[in-house]
Amino acid sequence: MIDFTHVEQSVKKLKTQLAQQQIDEKTFEDRLLTLVDVAEDGYYWMFGHESERWYRHNGETWLPDDPRTVQTRLHKPDNPGPAPLLSEPLNWGWFIISMILLAAIGGLVYNAAIF
């Protein structure tokens, strides 16, 4: 399960390493992908390195959200909310392919913005 504080600190450390040219862009993106994880609520969460905000994947898209709501959602029996993503077996192959594709597109957009 995800440790929100650890992920935030790790992202900030990676940003510093990138800014100081201790790591390259590819290494930065690869390490960011390893920090996307599942929380107790069954949703994938990631910390946006540019916005420095948390995002929760609702099964279709990434939505800005607050990780402090994880415990709140877990303890509301009268409001079950959407079914957690982990109610079905996780297909890691598609997830990994999607993250690689997302990183490639982000790299292209980033490089296009530089030139």
Protein backbone atom coordinates (compact mmCIF):
# COMPACT_ATOMS: atom_id res chain seq x y z
CA MET A 1 0.00 0.00 0.00
CA ILE A 2 1.06 3.55 -0.62
CA ASP A 3 2.81 5.69 1.96
CA PHE A 4 1.69 9.18 0.90
CA THR A 5 4.34 11.04 2.90
CA HIS A 6 7.15 8.87 1.53
CA VAL A 7 5.93 9.37 -2.06
CA GLU A 8 5.76 13.16 -1.69
CA GLN A 9 9.27 13.28 -0.26
CA SER A 10 10.58 10.96 -2.98
CA VAL A 11 9.07 13.07 -5.78
CA LYS A 12 10.56 16.25 -4.33
CA LYS A 13 13.95 14.55 -3.98
CA LEU A 14 13.79 13.37 -7.60
CA LYS A 15 12.95 16.91 -8.75
CA THR A 16 15.99 18.21 -6.90
CA GLN A 17 18.22 15.53 -8.42
CA LEU A 18 16.91 16.40 -11.91
CA ALA A 19 17.43 20.12 -11.34
CA GLN A 20 20.99 19.49 -10.17
CA GLN A 21 21.55 17.21 -13.17
CA GLN A 22 22.30 14.23 -10.94
CA ILE A 23 19.78 12.20 -12.99
CA ASP A 24 18.52 12.55 -16.56
CA GLU A 25 14.92 13.03 -17.71
CA LYS A 26 14.45 9.33 -18.57
CA THR A 27 15.63 8.20 -15.14
CA PHE A 28 13.39 10.84 -13.55
CA GLU A 29 10.32 9.59 -15.44
CA ASP A 30 11.13 5.93 -14.77
CA ARG A 31 11.46 6.56 -11.05
CA LEU A 32 8.24 8.59 -10.96
CA LEU A 33 6.37 5.63 -12.45
CA THR A 34 7.55 3.41 -9.61
CA LEU A 35 5.86 5.76 -7.13
CA VAL A 36 2.35 5.22 -8.53
CA ASP A 37 0.69 2.82 -6.09
CA VAL A 38 -2.60 1.57 -4.68
CA ALA A 39 -4.00 2.91 -1.42
CA GLU A 40 -6.24 1.19 1.11
CA ASP A 41 -9.29 2.45 -0.80
CA GLY A 42 -8.30 0.34 -3.83
CA TYR A 43 -7.50 3.29 -6.08
CA TYR A 44 -4.21 4.16 -7.76
CA TRP A 45 -2.68 7.40 -6.50
CA MET A 46 0.15 9.55 -7.82
CA PHE A 47 1.76 12.81 -6.75
CA GLY A 48 2.02 15.34 -9.59
CA HIS A 49 5.60 16.56 -9.76
CA GLU A 50 4.65 19.79 -11.53
CA SER A 51 1.46 20.65 -9.65
CA GLU A 52 2.58 19.10 -6.35
CA ARG A 53 -0.98 17.81 -5.92
CA TRP A 54 -2.32 14.31 -5.43
CA TYR A 55 -4.30 12.53 -8.14
CA ARG A 56 -6.54 9.46 -7.83
CA HIS A 57 -7.37 7.24 -10.79
CA ASN A 58 -11.10 6.54 -10.92
CA GLY A 59 -10.83 3.75 -13.50
CA GLU A 60 -10.98 6.12 -16.46
CA THR A 61 -8.95 9.23 -15.68
CA TRP A 62 -6.72 10.89 -13.08
CA LEU A 63 -8.65 13.27 -10.80
CA PRO A 64 -7.23 15.77 -8.30
CA ASP A 65 -7.98 14.42 -4.82
CA ASP A 66 -6.81 14.57 -1.24
CA PRO A 67 -5.24 11.42 0.22
CA ARG A 68 -6.63 12.32 3.65
CA THR A 69 -10.03 11.28 2.26
CA VAL A 70 -8.88 7.64 1.92
CA GLN A 71 -9.70 6.85 5.55
CA THR A 72 -12.93 8.85 5.33
CA ARG A 73 -14.09 6.84 2.31
CA LEU A 74 -13.19 3.57 4.00
CA HIS A 75 -15.25 4.33 7.11
CA LYS A 76 -18.52 5.58 5.56
CA PRO A 77 -20.87 2.58 5.49
CA ASP A 78 -23.83 4.69 4.29
CA ASN A 79 -21.91 5.92 1.22
CA PRO A 80 -20.02 3.06 -0.42
CA GLY A 81 -19.00 5.13 -3.45
CA PRO A 82 -17.60 3.59 -6.61
CA ALA A 83 -16.31 0.04 -6.54
CA PRO A 84 -12.56 -0.04 -5.91
CA LEU A 85 -10.38 -0.79 -8.90
CA LEU A 86 -9.02 -3.89 -7.23
CA SER A 87 -12.40 -5.64 -7.13
CA GLU A 88 -11.22 -7.42 -10.29
CA PRO A 89 -7.82 -9.01 -10.89
CA LEU A 90 -5.22 -6.43 -11.81
CA ASN A 91 -3.80 -6.66 -15.32
CA TRP A 92 -0.25 -5.38 -14.77
CA GLY A 93 0.67 -5.78 -18.45
CA TRP A 94 -1.79 -3.14 -19.61
CA PHE A 95 -0.92 -0.88 -16.71
CA ILE A 96 2.81 -1.00 -17.48
CA ILE A 97 2.23 -0.46 -21.21
CA SER A 98 -0.03 2.50 -20.40
CA MET A 99 2.57 4.06 -18.09
CA ILE A 100 5.33 3.64 -20.68
CA LEU A 101 3.12 5.20 -23.34
CA LEU A 102 2.21 8.04 -20.98
CA ALA A 103 5.90 8.65 -20.23
CA ALA A 104 6.76 8.64 -23.94
CA ILE A 105 4.00 11.13 -24.74
CA GLY A 106 5.09 13.30 -21.81
CA GLY A 107 8.67 13.21 -23.07
CA LEU A 108 7.59 14.25 -26.54
CA VAL A 109 5.48 17.11 -25.19
CA TYR A 110 8.30 18.19 -22.88
CA ASN A 111 10.87 18.12 -25.69
CA ALA A 112 8.50 19.95 -28.05
CA ALA A 113 8.02 22.69 -25.46
CA ILE A 114 11.78 23.20 -25.18
CA PHE A 115 12.23 23.78 -28.89
